[in-house]
Protein backbone atom coordinates (compact mmCIF):
# COMPACT_ATOMS: atom_id res chain seq x y z
CA MET A 1 254.73 189.05 280.80
CA THR A 2 252.39 188.93 277.86
CA MET A 3 252.28 187.88 274.23
CA GLN A 4 251.56 190.32 271.37
CA VAL A 5 251.97 190.25 267.63
CA GLY A 6 251.73 192.87 264.95
CA LEU A 7 251.18 191.71 261.34
CA VAL A 8 251.45 193.91 258.27
CA ALA A 9 248.69 192.86 255.83
CA GLU A 10 247.82 193.76 252.26
CA ASP A 11 245.02 196.02 253.51
CA GLY A 12 246.26 197.20 256.91
CA VAL A 13 247.99 196.19 260.13
CA LEU A 14 246.59 193.67 262.65
CA LEU A 15 247.44 193.83 266.32
CA ALA A 16 246.75 190.81 268.58
CA SER A 17 247.40 190.43 272.29
CA ASP A 18 246.52 188.25 275.17
CA THR A 19 244.50 189.91 277.96
CA LYS A 20 245.84 188.30 281.16
CA TRP A 21 247.19 190.58 283.87
CA VAL A 22 249.08 189.13 286.82
CA GLU A 23 249.72 191.48 289.76
CA GLU A 24 251.31 190.96 293.17
CA ASP A 25 250.23 193.17 296.06
CA TYR A 26 251.23 192.70 299.67
CA GLY A 27 252.42 189.19 298.90
CA LEU A 28 249.19 188.20 297.22
CA THR A 29 249.02 187.39 293.51
CA ARG A 30 245.88 187.90 291.54
CA ALA A 31 245.06 187.44 287.81
CA TYR A 32 242.41 189.14 285.76
CA HIS A 33 241.67 189.94 282.15
CA ALA A 34 241.72 193.44 280.65
CA SER A 35 242.89 195.15 277.41
CA LYS A 36 246.55 195.70 276.72
CA ILE A 37 245.96 197.72 273.53
CA LYS A 38 245.40 201.51 273.71
CA ILE A 39 243.63 203.36 270.83
CA SER A 40 243.68 207.11 270.37
CA ALA A 41 240.40 209.01 270.54
CA ASP A 42 240.52 209.73 266.81
CA GLY A 43 241.46 206.15 265.94
CA ALA A 44 244.66 207.16 264.23
CA VAL A 45 247.03 205.37 266.58
CA ALA A 46 246.87 201.97 268.30
CA ILE A 47 249.52 200.72 270.72
CA ALA A 48 249.92 197.27 272.27
CA HIS A 49 252.16 197.52 275.36
CA ALA A 50 253.93 194.74 277.24
CA ARG A 51 256.65 193.67 279.67
CA LYS A 52 256.60 196.07 282.64
CA MET A 53 253.10 197.44 282.25
CA ILE A 54 253.50 200.67 284.18
CA PRO A 55 256.31 202.20 282.07
CA SER A 56 255.10 200.66 278.81
CA GLY A 57 251.60 201.99 279.49
CA GLU A 58 252.98 205.45 280.23
CA ILE A 59 255.05 205.34 277.03
CA ALA A 60 251.93 204.39 275.04
CA ASP A 61 249.85 207.19 276.64
CA ARG A 62 252.54 209.81 275.95
CA ILE A 63 252.97 208.77 272.32
CA ILE A 64 249.24 209.04 271.74
CA ARG A 65 249.03 212.35 273.58
CA GLU A 66 252.24 214.15 272.53
CA LEU A 67 253.26 213.20 269.04
CA THR A 68 252.02 215.68 266.44
CA ASP A 69 251.27 215.09 262.79
CA ASP A 70 254.67 216.64 261.97
CA ASP A 71 256.38 214.20 264.33
CA TRP A 72 254.72 211.28 262.62
CA LYS A 73 255.53 212.68 259.18
CA LEU A 74 259.13 213.79 259.73
CA GLN A 75 260.74 211.86 262.58
CA PRO A 76 258.51 209.21 264.19
CA VAL A 77 261.36 206.97 265.38
CA ALA A 78 263.27 209.77 267.01
CA SER A 79 260.14 211.11 268.67
CA ILE A 80 259.16 207.71 270.05
CA GLN A 81 262.66 207.10 271.36
CA ARG A 82 262.76 210.53 273.01
CA ILE A 83 259.50 209.83 274.90
CA THR A 84 260.70 206.36 275.91
CA GLN A 85 264.06 207.62 277.12
CA ASP A 86 262.28 210.21 279.26
CA VAL A 87 260.03 207.55 280.84
CA ILE A 88 262.71 204.95 281.54
CA GLY A 89 265.19 207.64 282.62
CA LYS A 90 263.17 208.33 285.71
CA THR A 91 264.06 206.73 289.06
CA ASN A 92 262.15 203.54 288.29
CA PRO A 93 263.49 199.95 288.47
CA ARG A 94 260.82 198.86 285.98
CA GLN A 95 262.53 199.86 282.77
CA ASP A 96 261.81 196.81 280.58
CA ALA A 97 259.11 197.96 278.16
CA HIS A 98 257.79 196.83 274.74
CA CYS A 99 255.31 198.49 272.44
CA LEU A 100 253.84 197.66 269.05
CA ILE A 101 252.75 200.98 267.51
CA VAL A 102 250.50 201.46 264.55
CA ARG A 103 249.87 204.83 262.92
CA THR A 104 247.32 205.20 260.13
CA ARG A 105 248.39 208.56 258.75
CA PRO A 106 250.12 210.10 256.85
CA ALA A 107 250.97 206.50 255.97
CA LEU A 108 249.89 203.23 257.56
CA CYS A 109 252.88 201.72 259.35
CA LEU A 110 253.95 199.45 262.21
CA PHE A 111 256.72 200.28 264.66
CA SER A 112 258.43 198.09 267.19
CA LEU A 113 259.74 199.64 270.38
CA LYS A 114 261.86 197.68 272.85
CA THR A 115 264.06 198.89 275.69
CA ARG A 116 267.52 197.21 276.10
CA GLU A 117 270.05 197.17 278.90
CA MET A 118 273.29 198.97 278.12
CA PRO A 119 276.11 196.43 278.06
CA GLY A 120 278.36 196.78 281.12
CA GLU A 121 276.17 199.63 282.56
CA THR A 122 273.06 199.97 284.69
CA GLY A 123 271.03 202.05 282.30
CA TRP A 124 268.58 201.19 279.59
CA TYR A 125 268.09 202.59 276.09
CA PRO A 126 265.22 202.44 273.56
CA VAL A 127 265.32 200.70 270.17
CA CYS A 128 262.56 201.67 267.71
CA GLN A 129 262.28 200.55 264.11
CA ARG A 130 259.66 200.37 261.40
CA MET A 131 258.55 196.80 260.63
CA GLU A 132 257.70 195.69 257.08
CA MET A 133 256.36 192.18 257.88
CA TYR A 134 255.54 191.23 261.54
CA GLU A 135 256.89 191.60 265.06
CA VAL A 136 256.50 189.76 268.35
CA SER A 137 256.63 191.60 271.68
CA GLY A 138 256.19 190.77 275.34
CA HIS A 139 257.29 187.16 275.70
CA ASP A 140 259.12 187.44 272.34
CA THR A 141 261.14 184.25 272.94
CA ASN A 142 257.99 182.18 273.31
CA LEU A 143 258.15 179.12 271.06
CA ALA A 144 254.68 179.95 269.73
CA ARG A 145 256.36 182.49 267.43
CA TYR A 146 257.09 179.47 265.20
CA TRP A 147 253.58 179.91 263.71
CA LEU A 148 254.54 183.32 262.36
CA GLU A 149 258.11 182.30 261.34
CA ARG A 150 256.71 179.40 259.31
CA HIS A 151 253.28 180.54 258.09
CA TYR A 152 253.22 184.37 257.75
CA TYR A 153 252.53 185.72 254.29
CA ARG A 154 251.20 189.19 253.42
CA HIS A 155 247.53 188.31 253.08
CA ALA A 156 244.48 190.43 253.87
CA MET A 157 243.86 191.02 257.60
CA GLN A 158 240.85 188.67 257.45
CA LYS A 159 243.14 185.83 256.38
CA LEU A 160 245.85 186.65 258.87
CA ALA A 161 243.50 186.84 261.88
CA LEU A 162 243.49 183.05 262.48
CA LEU A 163 247.27 182.88 262.29
CA ALA A 164 247.54 185.69 264.92
CA ALA A 165 244.99 183.94 267.15
CA THR A 166 246.81 180.64 266.79
CA THR A 167 250.07 182.28 267.82
CA ILE A 168 248.58 183.87 270.93
CA THR A 169 246.67 180.80 272.02
CA ALA A 170 249.81 178.63 271.47
CA ALA A 171 251.82 181.05 273.59
CA ALA A 172 249.39 180.51 276.46
CA LYS A 173 250.09 176.75 276.30
CA PHE A 174 253.83 177.43 276.84
CA ASN A 175 253.29 180.05 279.55
CA SER A 176 249.77 179.63 280.97
CA ALA A 177 250.70 181.28 284.25
CA MET A 178 251.20 184.67 282.56
CA ILE A 179 249.41 184.48 279.17
CA GLY A 180 245.70 183.98 278.40
CA GLY A 181 242.78 185.45 276.53
CA LEU A 182 242.72 187.23 273.18
CA GLU A 183 242.00 190.69 271.79
CA MET A 184 242.55 192.15 268.35
CA VAL A 185 242.66 195.59 266.74
CA ALA A 186 242.40 196.09 262.95
CA CYS A 187 244.03 199.19 261.47
CA ASP A 188 243.59 200.51 257.94
CA SER A 189 243.52 203.87 256.19
CA THR A 190 240.22 204.75 257.93
CA GLY A 191 241.55 204.18 261.45
CA CYS A 192 242.01 201.53 264.20
CA ARG A 193 239.09 199.60 265.46
CA ARG A 194 238.79 196.97 268.22
CA LEU A 195 237.24 193.68 266.98
CA SER A 196 234.28 192.53 269.00
CA PRO A 197 234.77 190.19 271.98
CA GLU A 198 232.26 187.75 270.43
CA TRP A 199 234.23 187.56 267.21
CA THR A 200 237.57 187.08 268.99
CA ARG A 201 236.15 184.35 271.27
CA GLU A 202 234.92 182.53 268.13
CA LEU A 203 238.38 183.00 266.56
CA ALA A 204 240.15 181.74 269.67
CA ALA A 205 237.91 178.63 269.59
CA LYS A 206 238.85 178.03 265.97
CA ALA A 207 242.56 178.40 266.89
CA GLU A 208 242.10 175.63 269.46
CA THR A 209 240.79 173.37 266.73
CA VAL A 210 243.97 174.04 264.82
CA HIS A 211 246.07 172.86 267.78
CA ALA A 212 243.84 169.79 268.17
CA SER A 213 244.13 168.94 264.51
CA VAL A 214 247.92 169.05 264.68
CA ILE A 215 247.95 166.74 267.67
CA GLU A 216 245.57 164.35 265.93
CA LEU A 217 247.79 164.27 262.82
CA LEU A 218 250.95 163.71 264.88
CA ASN A 219 249.33 160.86 266.72
CA SER A 220 248.15 159.12 263.56
CA CYS A 221 250.08 156.62 261.51
CA PRO A 222 248.75 155.20 258.22
CA LYS A 223 249.80 151.61 258.97
CA GLN A 224 252.01 149.42 261.06
CA PHE A 225 255.76 149.77 260.86
CA ASP A 226 257.19 148.09 257.85
CA TYR A 227 260.70 146.90 258.79
CA ALA A 228 263.46 146.49 256.24
CA PRO A 229 264.85 142.98 255.96
CA HIS A 230 267.89 142.29 258.06
CA VAL A 231 270.93 141.83 255.82
CA ILE A 232 274.18 140.44 257.15
CA GLY A 233 277.43 141.68 255.67
């Protein structure tokens, strides 16, 4: 499980993800922090992958490696779904995969990819669509998505960064066992670039002050209760 958001901005697309990995091996559970966002060597594609990390990571790698400029120009959704179906169609019980995909050319765009179970059947199928505003993947039912539902507007990436960080850090408060840390990738017409760890740590700290400020406001009351007079009849 993870928490990831993609936000379409006035000047690009911002990807944000937590960095906590939880693995079980021979009955032992260990947690560590590592990136969950892959960037192509030329910087033209960035993909945040979530849910079952083995198939979603393979899907991300193959999209970066196999899709041509013509695929991106003519039929990106069909090409992404074809690769996904090939991966989840293998003999593999781990078929639950999410990806947030950003491509910078020929046009800057954000795609959401999620696999779904076929109703009444044992198989899975991919659903891919282009997003015009924002998308949540991974733990996409996490209540932290409220921040996006209520406060997202199409600002510049610089202005949306704190909203993204607040969403990810709030998600960790609802699911601290599986979510933690923060990383961001900014994508514009020049390519996709990972934001520095120092900058994201500072942003995460600022997001924590947002949560603290909300708690302080909710715990404050301007004066004592003022009861209405009791009227009989």
